[in-house]
Amino acid sequence: MAEDEPRQDPGLPEDARLRSLDRRLKQAQAQESARTGTNAGAQGKGQAQGMRILSDLFGMPLGGALVGWLLDRWFGTRPVFLLALLFLGFCGAIWNVYKISKQRPE
């Protein structure tokens, strides 16, 4: 018998002890979930919203600053475009955070 093959013969019926164990395990997980009041789906969406907020708060101002720096080098103006696009990126990030905060995490 190879190592990756299951040890139970597919022709044999499923063991009643395994079915009982699966049933008790699912029941215990449901009781623990009800006791702690946790729901994996709500945590996943809340975490996704948090990561989106974090990426907006860092990415939009940094992207604006990078584009502003490149425009300043191209046109020969030093801090004008850098500061303007950095400010616009920050305002856009705050606007996105506001829109995300109005959504429910459920």
PDB file of N, CA and C in Angstrom:
ATOM      1  N   MET A   1       0.847  -1.162   0.000  1.00  0.00           N
ATOM      2  CA  MET A   1       0.000   0.000   0.000  1.00  0.00           C
ATOM      3  C   MET A   1       0.899   1.233   0.000  1.00  0.00           C
ATOM      4  N   ALA A   2       0.626   2.194  -0.853  1.00  0.00           N
ATOM      5  CA  ALA A   2       1.422   3.412  -0.951  1.00  0.00           C
ATOM      6  C   ALA A   2       1.096   4.336   0.215  1.00  0.00           C
ATOM      7  N   GLU A   3       2.018   5.270   0.495  1.00  0.00           N
ATOM      8  CA  GLU A   3       1.844   6.171   1.630  1.00  0.00           C
ATOM      9  C   GLU A   3       0.705   7.166   1.425  1.00  0.00           C
ATOM     10  N   ASP A   4       0.420   7.549   0.180  1.00  0.00           N
ATOM     11  CA  ASP A   4      -0.602   8.558  -0.046  1.00  0.00           C
ATOM     12  C   ASP A   4      -2.008   7.972  -0.181  1.00  0.00           C
ATOM     13  N   GLU A   5      -2.156   6.685  -0.141  1.00  0.00           N
ATOM     14  CA  GLU A   5      -3.467   6.066  -0.235  1.00  0.00           C
ATOM     15  C   GLU A   5      -4.117   6.004   1.144  1.00  0.00           C
ATOM     16  N   PRO A   6      -5.445   6.132   1.201  1.00  0.00           N
ATOM     17  CA  PRO A   6      -6.117   6.017   2.501  1.00  0.00           C
ATOM     18  C   PRO A   6      -6.008   4.591   3.025  1.00  0.00           C
ATOM     19  N   ARG A   7      -5.998   4.459   4.317  1.00  0.00           N
ATOM     20  CA  ARG A   7      -5.803   3.153   4.932  1.00  0.00           C
ATOM     21  C   ARG A   7      -7.100   2.344   4.985  1.00  0.00           C
ATOM     22  N   GLN A   8      -8.247   2.990   4.860  1.00  0.00           N
ATOM     23  CA  GLN A   8      -9.516   2.271   4.921  1.00  0.00           C
ATOM     24  C   GLN A   8      -9.894   1.818   3.506  1.00  0.00           C
ATOM     25  N   ASP A   9     -10.358   0.605   3.414  1.00  0.00           N
ATOM     26  CA  ASP A   9     -10.766   0.050   2.126  1.00  0.00           C
ATOM     27  C   ASP A   9     -12.049   0.758   1.673  1.00  0.00           C
ATOM     28  N   PRO A  10     -12.098   1.281   0.427  1.00  0.00           N
ATOM     29  CA  PRO A  10     -13.282   1.991  -0.010  1.00  0.00           C
ATOM     30  C   PRO A  10     -14.527   1.113  -0.077  1.00  0.00           C
ATOM     31  N   GLY A  11     -14.368  -0.161  -0.132  1.00  0.00           N
ATOM     32  CA  GLY A  11     -15.518  -1.057  -0.197  1.00  0.00           C
ATOM     33  C   GLY A  11     -16.190  -1.270   1.154  1.00  0.00           C
ATOM     34  N   LEU A  12     -15.491  -0.944   2.252  1.00  0.00           N
ATOM     35  CA  LEU A  12     -16.055  -1.151   3.584  1.00  0.00           C
ATOM     36  C   LEU A  12     -16.943   0.024   3.978  1.00  0.00           C
ATOM     37  N   PRO A  13     -17.969  -0.227   4.783  1.00  0.00           N
ATOM     38  CA  PRO A  13     -18.833   0.885   5.236  1.00  0.00           C
ATOM     39  C   PRO A  13     -18.066   1.793   6.202  1.00  0.00           C
ATOM     40  N   GLU A  14     -18.558   3.043   6.316  1.00  0.00           N
ATOM     41  CA  GLU A  14     -17.916   4.006   7.200  1.00  0.00           C
ATOM     42  C   GLU A  14     -18.113   3.593   8.649  1.00  0.00           C
ATOM     43  N   ASP A  15     -17.110   3.802   9.446  1.00  0.00           N
ATOM     44  CA  ASP A  15     -17.142   3.417  10.851  1.00  0.00           C
ATOM     45  C   ASP A  15     -18.105   4.323  11.622  1.00  0.00           C
ATOM     46  N   ALA A  16     -18.950   3.749  12.427  1.00  0.00           N
ATOM     47  CA  ALA A  16     -19.932   4.503  13.204  1.00  0.00           C
ATOM     48  C   ALA A  16     -19.250   5.399  14.227  1.00  0.00           C
ATOM     49  N   ARG A  17     -18.089   4.978  14.704  1.00  0.00           N
ATOM     50  CA  ARG A  17     -17.367   5.802  15.673  1.00  0.00           C
ATOM     51  C   ARG A  17     -16.903   7.101  15.037  1.00  0.00           C
ATOM     52  N   LEU A  18     -16.493   7.061  13.769  1.00  0.00           N
ATOM     53  CA  LEU A  18     -16.053   8.278  13.082  1.00  0.00           C
ATOM     54  C   LEU A  18     -17.220   9.232  12.857  1.00  0.00           C
ATOM     55  N   ARG A  19     -18.363   8.696  12.477  1.00  0.00           N
ATOM     56  CA  ARG A  19     -19.545   9.547  12.300  1.00  0.00           C
ATOM     57  C   ARG A  19     -19.937  10.197  13.615  1.00  0.00           C
ATOM     58  N   SER A  20     -19.888   9.432  14.687  1.00  0.00           N
ATOM     59  CA  SER A  20     -20.221   9.970  16.000  1.00  0.00           C
ATOM     60  C   SER A  20     -19.220  11.058  16.413  1.00  0.00           C
ATOM     61  N   LEU A  21     -17.964  10.826  16.137  1.00  0.00           N
ATOM     62  CA  LEU A  21     -16.936  11.813  16.459  1.00  0.00           C
ATOM     63  C   LEU A  21     -17.133  13.095  15.654  1.00  0.00           C
ATOM     64  N   ASP A  22     -17.432  12.976  14.373  1.00  0.00           N
ATOM     65  CA  ASP A  22     -17.690  14.150  13.541  1.00  0.00           C
ATOM     66  C   ASP A  22     -18.897  14.932  14.064  1.00  0.00           C
ATOM     67  N   ARG A  23     -19.948  14.226  14.419  1.00  0.00           N
ATOM     68  CA  ARG A  23     -21.158  14.877  14.919  1.00  0.00           C
ATOM     69  C   ARG A  23     -20.869  15.616  16.225  1.00  0.00           C
ATOM     70  N   ARG A  24     -20.154  14.974  17.137  1.00  0.00           N
ATOM     71  CA  ARG A  24     -19.835  15.612  18.415  1.00  0.00           C
ATOM     72  C   ARG A  24     -18.890  16.795  18.235  1.00  0.00           C
ATOM     73  N   LEU A  25     -17.971  16.690  17.300  1.00  0.00           N
ATOM     74  CA  LEU A  25     -17.046  17.790  17.039  1.00  0.00           C
ATOM     75  C   LEU A  25     -17.776  19.013  16.486  1.00  0.00           C
ATOM     76  N   LYS A  26     -18.690  18.790  15.542  1.00  0.00           N
ATOM     77  CA  LYS A  26     -19.478  19.904  15.003  1.00  0.00           C
ATOM     78  C   LYS A  26     -20.354  20.528  16.075  1.00  0.00           C
ATOM     79  N   GLN A  27     -20.917  19.699  16.938  1.00  0.00           N
ATOM     80  CA  GLN A  27     -21.755  20.209  18.018  1.00  0.00           C
ATOM     81  C   GLN A  27     -20.918  21.040  18.997  1.00  0.00           C
ATOM     82  N   ALA A  28     -19.730  20.579  19.326  1.00  0.00           N
ATOM     83  CA  ALA A  28     -18.866  21.320  20.244  1.00  0.00           C
ATOM     84  C   ALA A  28     -18.406  22.649  19.626  1.00  0.00           C
ATOM     85  N   GLN A  29     -18.122  22.647  18.325  1.00  0.00           N
ATOM     86  CA  GLN A  29     -17.727  23.888  17.663  1.00  0.00           C
ATOM     87  C   GLN A  29     -18.887  24.883  17.630  1.00  0.00           C
ATOM     88  N   ALA A  30     -20.092  24.410  17.405  1.00  0.00           N
ATOM     89  CA  ALA A  30     -21.265  25.291  17.391  1.00  0.00           C
ATOM     90  C   ALA A  30     -21.512  25.867  18.783  1.00  0.00           C
ATOM     91  N   GLN A  31     -21.364  25.046  19.829  1.00  0.00           N
ATOM     92  CA  GLN A  31     -21.555  25.527  21.189  1.00  0.00           C
ATOM     93  C   GLN A  31     -20.498  26.565  21.557  1.00  0.00           C
ATOM     94  N   GLU A  32     -19.267  26.337  21.165  1.00  0.00           N
ATOM     95  CA  GLU A  32     -18.185  27.289  21.458  1.00  0.00           C
ATOM     96  C   GLU A  32     -18.404  28.593  20.712  1.00  0.00           C
ATOM     97  N   SER A  33     -18.844  28.520  19.485  1.00  0.00           N
ATOM     98  CA  SER A  33     -19.141  29.717  18.705  1.00  0.00           C
ATOM     99  C   SER A  33     -20.277  30.504  19.326  1.00  0.00           C
ATOM    100  N   ALA A  34     -21.311  29.812  19.799  1.00  0.00           N
ATOM    101  CA  ALA A  34     -22.433  30.481  20.444  1.00  0.00           C
ATOM    102  C   ALA A  34     -22.013  31.073  21.790  1.00  0.00           C
ATOM    103  N   ARG A  35     -21.146  30.378  22.512  1.00  0.00           N
ATOM    104  CA  ARG A  35     -20.698  30.853  23.824  1.00  0.00           C
ATOM    105  C   ARG A  35     -19.854  32.112  23.702  1.00  0.00           C
ATOM    106  N   THR A  36     -18.946  32.148  22.739  1.00  0.00           N
ATOM    107  CA  THR A  36     -18.057  33.303  22.589  1.00  0.00           C
ATOM    108  C   THR A  36     -18.667  34.394  21.731  1.00  0.00           C
ATOM    109  N   GLY A  37     -19.715  34.060  20.977  1.00  0.00           N
ATOM    110  CA  GLY A  37     -20.364  35.064  20.137  1.00  0.00           C
ATOM    111  C   GLY A  37     -19.532  35.475  18.940  1.00  0.00           C
ATOM    112  N   THR A  38     -18.683  34.602  18.491  1.00  0.00           N
ATOM    113  CA  THR A  38     -17.842  34.929  17.341  1.00  0.00           C
ATOM    114  C   THR A  38     -18.436  34.345  16.081  1.00  0.00           C
ATOM    115  N   ASN A  39     -18.232  35.075  15.000  1.00  0.00           N
ATOM    116  CA  ASN A  39     -18.665  34.621  13.695  1.00  0.00           C
ATOM    117  C   ASN A  39     -17.504  34.859  12.741  1.00  0.00           C
ATOM    118  N   ALA A  40     -17.001  33.832  12.114  1.00  0.00           N
ATOM    119  CA  ALA A  40     -15.818  33.953  11.266  1.00  0.00           C
ATOM    120  C   ALA A  40     -16.058  34.850  10.069  1.00  0.00           C
ATOM    121  N   GLY A  41     -17.267  34.871   9.525  1.00  0.00           N
ATOM    122  CA  GLY A  41     -17.556  35.702   8.356  1.00  0.00           C
ATOM    123  C   GLY A  41     -17.477  37.184   8.671  1.00  0.00           C
ATOM    124  N   ALA A  42     -17.992  37.601   9.818  1.00  0.00           N
ATOM    125  CA  ALA A  42     -17.962  39.015  10.188  1.00  0.00           C
ATOM    126  C   ALA A  42     -16.542  39.457  10.471  1.00  0.00           C
ATOM    127  N   GLN A  43     -15.735  38.609  11.069  1.00  0.00           N
ATOM    128  CA  GLN A  43     -14.355  38.968  11.327  1.00  0.00           C
ATOM    129  C   GLN A  43     -13.602  39.121  10.016  1.00  0.00           C
ATOM    130  N   GLY A  44     -13.882  38.289   9.050  1.00  0.00           N
ATOM    131  CA  GLY A  44     -13.185  38.366   7.774  1.00  0.00           C
ATOM    132  C   GLY A  44     -13.476  39.659   7.044  1.00  0.00           C
ATOM    133  N   LYS A  45     -14.738  40.097   7.040  1.00  0.00           N
ATOM    134  CA  LYS A  45     -15.080  41.343   6.356  1.00  0.00           C
ATOM    135  C   LYS A  45     -14.532  42.540   7.105  1.00  0.00           C
ATOM    136  N   GLY A  46     -14.592  42.524   8.438  1.00  0.00           N
ATOM    137  CA  GLY A  46     -14.032  43.614   9.219  1.00  0.00           C
ATOM    138  C   GLY A  46     -12.533  43.743   9.017  1.00  0.00           C
ATOM    139  N   GLN A  47     -11.868  42.618   8.944  1.00  0.00           N
ATOM    140  CA  GLN A  47     -10.424  42.639   8.704  1.00  0.00           C
ATOM    141  C   GLN A  47     -10.132  43.161   7.303  1.00  0.00           C
ATOM    142  N   ALA A  48     -10.943  42.785   6.338  1.00  0.00           N
ATOM    143  CA  ALA A  48     -10.742  43.273   4.973  1.00  0.00           C
ATOM    144  C   ALA A  48     -10.948  44.781   4.907  1.00  0.00           C
ATOM    145  N   GLN A  49     -11.947  45.291   5.628  1.00  0.00           N
ATOM    146  CA  GLN A  49     -12.155  46.737   5.658  1.00  0.00           C
ATOM    147  C   GLN A  49     -10.982  47.450   6.306  1.00  0.00           C
ATOM    148  N   GLY A  50     -10.463  46.893   7.372  1.00  0.00           N
ATOM    149  CA  GLY A  50      -9.302  47.494   8.039  1.00  0.00           C
ATOM    150  C   GLY A  50      -8.074  47.525   7.142  1.00  0.00           C
ATOM    151  N   MET A  51      -7.845  46.450   6.416  1.00  0.00           N
ATOM    152  CA  MET A  51      -6.697  46.420   5.507  1.00  0.00           C
ATOM    153  C   MET A  51      -6.874  47.409   4.362  1.00  0.00           C
ATOM    154  N   ARG A  52      -8.107  47.566   3.894  1.00  0.00           N
ATOM    155  CA  ARG A  52      -8.365  48.534   2.826  1.00  0.00           C
ATOM    156  C   ARG A  52      -8.129  49.961   3.323  1.00  0.00           C
ATOM    157  N   ILE A  53      -8.564  50.255   4.535  1.00  0.00           N
ATOM    158  CA  ILE A  53      -8.335  51.578   5.112  1.00  0.00           C
ATOM    159  C   ILE A  53      -6.839  51.838   5.254  1.00  0.00           C
ATOM    160  N   LEU A  54      -6.114  50.848   5.760  1.00  0.00           N
ATOM    161  CA  LEU A  54      -4.675  51.003   5.932  1.00  0.00           C
ATOM    162  C   LEU A  54      -3.977  51.240   4.603  1.00  0.00           C
ATOM    163  N   SER A  55      -4.342  50.485   3.584  1.00  0.00           N
ATOM    164  CA  SER A  55      -3.700  50.662   2.284  1.00  0.00           C
ATOM    165  C   SER A  55      -4.061  52.005   1.663  1.00  0.00           C
ATOM    166  N   ASP A  56      -5.289  52.478   1.872  1.00  0.00           N
ATOM    167  CA  ASP A  56      -5.667  53.803   1.368  1.00  0.00           C
ATOM    168  C   ASP A  56      -4.889  54.901   2.067  1.00  0.00           C
ATOM    169  N   LEU A  57      -4.771  54.807   3.391  1.00  0.00           N
ATOM    170  CA  LEU A  57      -4.098  55.864   4.139  1.00  0.00           C
ATOM    171  C   LEU A  57      -2.608  55.952   3.813  1.00  0.00           C
ATOM    172  N   PHE A  58      -2.004  54.839   3.441  1.00  0.00           N
ATOM    173  CA  PHE A  58      -0.589  54.881   3.069  1.00  0.00           C
ATOM    174  C   PHE A  58      -0.390  55.055   1.572  1.00  0.00           C
ATOM    175  N   GLY A  59      -1.177  54.341   0.794  1.00  0.00           N
ATOM    176  CA  GLY A  59      -0.934  54.295  -0.641  1.00  0.00           C
ATOM    177  C   GLY A  59      -1.292  55.562  -1.393  1.00  0.00           C
ATOM    178  N   MET A  60      -2.419  56.163  -1.083  1.00  0.00           N
ATOM    179  CA  MET A  60      -2.848  57.334  -1.846  1.00  0.00           C
ATOM    180  C   MET A  60      -1.928  58.544  -1.640  1.00  0.00           C
ATOM    181  N   PRO A  61      -1.556  58.898  -0.401  1.00  0.00           N
ATOM    182  CA  PRO A  61      -0.605  60.009  -0.268  1.00  0.00           C
ATOM    183  C   PRO A  61       0.777  59.700  -0.847  1.00  0.00           C
ATOM    184  N   LEU A  62       1.233  58.453  -0.685  1.00  0.00           N
ATOM    185  CA  LEU A  62       2.541  58.108  -1.250  1.00  0.00           C
ATOM    186  C   LEU A  62       2.508  58.121  -2.774  1.00  0.00           C
ATOM    187  N   GLY A  63       1.419  57.639  -3.348  1.00  0.00           N
ATOM    188  CA  GLY A  63       1.286  57.678  -4.802  1.00  0.00           C
ATOM    189  C   GLY A  63       1.218  59.103  -5.315  1.00  0.00           C
ATOM    190  N   GLY A  64       0.462  59.954  -4.625  1.00  0.00           N
ATOM    191  CA  GLY A  64       0.393  61.362  -5.010  1.00  0.00           C
ATOM    192  C   GLY A  64       1.731  62.052  -4.890  1.00  0.00           C
ATOM    193  N   ALA A  65       2.466  61.744  -3.820  1.00  0.00           N
ATOM    194  CA  ALA A  65       3.785  62.347  -3.640  1.00  0.00           C
ATOM    195  C   ALA A  65       4.753  61.888  -4.731  1.00  0.00           C
ATOM    196  N   LEU A  66       4.685  60.638  -5.103  1.00  0.00           N
ATOM    197  CA  LEU A  66       5.572  60.126  -6.148  1.00  0.00           C
ATOM    198  C   LEU A  66       5.280  60.781  -7.490  1.00  0.00           C
ATOM    199  N   VAL A  67       4.007  60.863  -7.850  1.00  0.00           N
ATOM    200  CA  VAL A  67       3.637  61.506  -9.111  1.00  0.00           C
ATOM    201  C   VAL A  67       4.000  62.990  -9.066  1.00  0.00           C
ATOM    202  N   GLY A  68       3.771  63.646  -7.930  1.00  0.00           N
ATOM    203  CA  GLY A  68       4.139  65.055  -7.783  1.00  0.00           C
ATOM    204  C   GLY A  68       5.627  65.276  -7.900  1.00  0.00           C
ATOM    205  N   TRP A  69       6.409  64.401  -7.317  1.00  0.00           N
ATOM    206  CA  TRP A  69       7.866  64.504  -7.405  1.00  0.00           C
ATOM    207  C   TRP A  69       8.325  64.350  -8.857  1.00  0.00           C
ATOM    208  N   LEU A  70       7.727  63.389  -9.564  1.00  0.00           N
ATOM    209  CA  LEU A  70       8.090  63.197 -10.970  1.00  0.00           C
ATOM    210  C   LEU A  70       7.705  64.412 -11.813  1.00  0.00           C
ATOM    211  N   LEU A  71       6.526  64.982 -11.565  1.00  0.00           N
ATOM    212  CA  LEU A  71       6.119  66.185 -12.298  1.00  0.00           C
ATOM    213  C   LEU A  71       7.021  67.371 -11.964  1.00  0.00           C
ATOM    214  N   ASP A  72       7.416  67.500 -10.715  1.00  0.00           N
ATOM    215  CA  ASP A  72       8.338  68.571 -10.329  1.00  0.00           C
ATOM    216  C   ASP A  72       9.677  68.429 -11.038  1.00  0.00           C
ATOM    217  N   ARG A  73      10.163  67.221 -11.153  1.00  0.00           N
ATOM    218  CA  ARG A  73      11.441  67.017 -11.868  1.00  0.00           C
ATOM    219  C   ARG A  73      11.279  67.316 -13.353  1.00  0.00           C
ATOM    220  N   TRP A  74      10.143  66.956 -13.910  1.00  0.00           N
ATOM    221  CA  TRP A  74       9.925  67.144 -15.345  1.00  0.00           C
ATOM    222  C   TRP A  74       9.757  68.626 -15.691  1.00  0.00           C
ATOM    223  N   PHE A  75       8.988  69.371 -14.882  1.00  0.00           N
ATOM    224  CA  PHE A  75       8.733  70.781 -15.168  1.00  0.00           C
ATOM    225  C   PHE A  75       9.754  71.716 -14.520  1.00  0.00           C
ATOM    226  N   GLY A  76      10.594  71.226 -13.644  1.00  0.00           N
ATOM    227  CA  GLY A  76      11.605  72.060 -13.006  1.00  0.00           C
ATOM    228  C   GLY A  76      11.084  72.875 -11.831  1.00  0.00           C
ATOM    229  N   THR A  77       9.924  72.564 -11.345  1.00  0.00           N
ATOM    230  CA  THR A  77       9.392  73.242 -10.164  1.00  0.00           C
ATOM    231  C   THR A  77       9.602  72.308  -8.977  1.00  0.00           C
ATOM    232  N   ARG A  78      10.165  72.816  -7.920  1.00  0.00           N
ATOM    233  CA  ARG A  78      10.542  71.904  -6.846  1.00  0.00           C
ATOM    234  C   ARG A  78       9.387  71.389  -5.991  1.00  0.00           C
ATOM    235  N   PRO A  79       8.837  72.119  -5.057  1.00  0.00           N
ATOM    236  CA  PRO A  79       7.870  71.458  -4.167  1.00  0.00           C
ATOM    237  C   PRO A  79       6.408  71.648  -4.560  1.00  0.00           C
ATOM    238  N   VAL A  80       6.128  72.284  -5.697  1.00  0.00           N
ATOM    239  CA  VAL A  80       4.749  72.654  -6.001  1.00  0.00           C
ATOM    240  C   VAL A  80       3.866  71.426  -6.221  1.00  0.00           C
ATOM    241  N   PHE A  81       4.179  70.627  -7.208  1.00  0.00           N
ATOM    242  CA  PHE A  81       3.350  69.459  -7.526  1.00  0.00           C
ATOM    243  C   PHE A  81       3.429  68.400  -6.431  1.00  0.00           C
ATOM    244  N   LEU A  82       4.594  68.251  -5.822  1.00  0.00           N
ATOM    245  CA  LEU A  82       4.755  67.268  -4.758  1.00  0.00           C
ATOM    246  C   LEU A  82       3.787  67.560  -3.621  1.00  0.00           C
ATOM    247  N   LEU A  83       3.773  68.804  -3.149  1.00  0.00           N
ATOM    248  CA  LEU A  83       2.890  69.150  -2.033  1.00  0.00           C
ATOM    249  C   LEU A  83       1.420  69.102  -2.439  1.00  0.00           C
ATOM    250  N   ALA A  84       1.111  69.582  -3.636  1.00  0.00           N
ATOM    251  CA  ALA A  84      -0.289  69.600  -4.075  1.00  0.00           C
ATOM    252  C   ALA A  84      -0.839  68.184  -4.208  1.00  0.00           C
ATOM    253  N   LEU A  85      -0.100  67.290  -4.857  1.00  0.00           N
ATOM    254  CA  LEU A  85      -0.605  65.921  -5.044  1.00  0.00           C
ATOM    255  C   LEU A  85      -0.536  65.103  -3.760  1.00  0.00           C
ATOM    256  N   LEU A  86       0.398  65.418  -2.872  1.00  0.00           N
ATOM    257  CA  LEU A  86       0.424  64.769  -1.569  1.00  0.00           C
ATOM    258  C   LEU A  86      -0.839  65.140  -0.794  1.00  0.00           C
ATOM    259  N   PHE A  87      -1.203  66.420  -0.822  1.00  0.00           N
ATOM    260  CA  PHE A  87      -2.423  66.880  -0.150  1.00  0.00           C
ATOM    261  C   PHE A  87      -3.666  66.251  -0.786  1.00  0.00           C
ATOM    262  N   LEU A  88      -3.713  66.198  -2.128  1.00  0.00           N
ATOM    263  CA  LEU A  88      -4.855  65.572  -2.795  1.00  0.00           C
ATOM    264  C   LEU A  88      -4.952  64.078  -2.464  1.00  0.00           C
ATOM    265  N   GLY A  89      -3.826  63.410  -2.394  1.00  0.00           N
ATOM    266  CA  GLY A  89      -3.819  61.995  -2.025  1.00  0.00           C
ATOM    267  C   GLY A  89      -4.314  61.776  -0.611  1.00  0.00           C
ATOM    268  N   PHE A  90      -3.917  62.662   0.289  1.00  0.00           N
ATOM    269  CA  PHE A  90      -4.384  62.555   1.667  1.00  0.00           C
ATOM    270  C   PHE A  90      -5.888  62.816   1.752  1.00  0.00           C
ATOM    271  N   CYS A  91      -6.369  63.818   1.032  1.00  0.00           N
ATOM    272  CA  CYS A  91      -7.816  64.109   1.029  1.00  0.00           C
ATOM    273  C   CYS A  91      -8.603  62.942   0.431  1.00  0.00           C
ATOM    274  N   GLY A  92      -8.092  62.366  -0.637  1.00  0.00           N
ATOM    275  CA  GLY A  92      -8.759  61.207  -1.235  1.00  0.00           C
ATOM    276  C   GLY A  92      -8.786  60.022  -0.288  1.00  0.00           C
ATOM    277  N   ALA A  93      -7.707  59.817   0.461  1.00  0.00           N
ATOM    278  CA  ALA A  93      -7.665  58.715   1.419  1.00  0.00           C
ATOM    279  C   ALA A  93      -8.673  58.931   2.539  1.00  0.00           C
ATOM    280  N   ILE A  94      -8.767  60.153   3.033  1.00  0.00           N
ATOM    281  CA  ILE A  94      -9.737  60.445   4.093  1.00  0.00           C
ATOM    282  C   ILE A  94     -11.162  60.253   3.571  1.00  0.00           C
ATOM    283  N   TRP A  95     -11.427  60.645   2.319  1.00  0.00           N
ATOM    284  CA  TRP A  95     -12.754  60.460   1.735  1.00  0.00           C
ATOM    285  C   TRP A  95     -13.086  58.971   1.622  1.00  0.00           C
ATOM    286  N   ASN A  96     -12.118  58.155   1.191  1.00  0.00           N
ATOM    287  CA  ASN A  96     -12.358  56.709   1.096  1.00  0.00           C
ATOM    288  C   ASN A  96     -12.591  56.087   2.468  1.00  0.00           C
ATOM    289  N   VAL A  97     -11.850  56.528   3.467  1.00  0.00           N
ATOM    290  CA  VAL A  97     -12.050  56.015   4.821  1.00  0.00           C
ATOM    291  C   VAL A  97     -13.444  56.381   5.315  1.00  0.00           C
ATOM    292  N   TYR A  98     -13.892  57.570   5.003  1.00  0.00           N
ATOM    293  CA  TYR A  98     -15.242  57.989   5.386  1.00  0.00           C
ATOM    294  C   TYR A  98     -16.289  57.091   4.718  1.00  0.00           C
ATOM    295  N   LYS A  99     -16.116  56.806   3.419  1.00  0.00           N
ATOM    296  CA  LYS A  99     -17.070  55.943   2.716  1.00  0.00           C
ATOM    297  C   LYS A  99     -17.047  54.522   3.274  1.00  0.00           C
ATOM    298  N   ILE A 100     -15.872  54.016   3.575  1.00  0.00           N
ATOM    299  CA  ILE A 100     -15.759  52.660   4.119  1.00  0.00           C
ATOM    300  C   ILE A 100     -16.385  52.598   5.506  1.00  0.00           C
ATOM    301  N   SER A 101     -16.202  53.655   6.301  1.00  0.00           N
ATOM    302  CA  SER A 101     -16.731  53.633   7.665  1.00  0.00           C
ATOM    303  C   SER A 101     -18.252  53.651   7.699  1.00  0.00           C
ATOM    304  N   LYS A 102     -18.897  54.077   6.625  1.00  0.00           N
ATOM    305  CA  LYS A 102     -20.347  54.070   6.581  1.00  0.00           C
ATOM    306  C   LYS A 102     -20.901  52.680   6.249  1.00  0.00           C
ATOM    307  N   GLN A 103     -20.049  51.768   5.787  1.00  0.00           N
ATOM    308  CA  GLN A 103     -20.496  50.414   5.472  1.00  0.00           C
ATOM    309  C   GLN A 103     -20.528  49.584   6.752  1.00  0.00           C
ATOM    310  N   ARG A 104     -21.455  48.647   6.811  1.00  0.00           N
ATOM    311  CA  ARG A 104     -21.526  47.755   7.956  1.00  0.00           C
ATOM    312  C   ARG A 104     -20.559  46.591   7.747  1.00  0.00           C
ATOM    313  N   PRO A 105     -19.894  46.125   8.798  1.00  0.00           N
ATOM    314  CA  PRO A 105     -18.951  45.019   8.622  1.00  0.00           C
ATOM    315  C   PRO A 105     -19.614  43.659   8.516  1.00  0.00           C
ATOM    316  N   GLU A 106     -20.943  43.555   8.585  1.00  0.00           N
ATOM    317  CA  GLU A 106     -21.606  42.257   8.551  1.00  0.00           C
ATOM    318  C   GLU A 106     -21.971  41.883   7.139  1.00  0.00           C
TER     319      GLU A 106
END
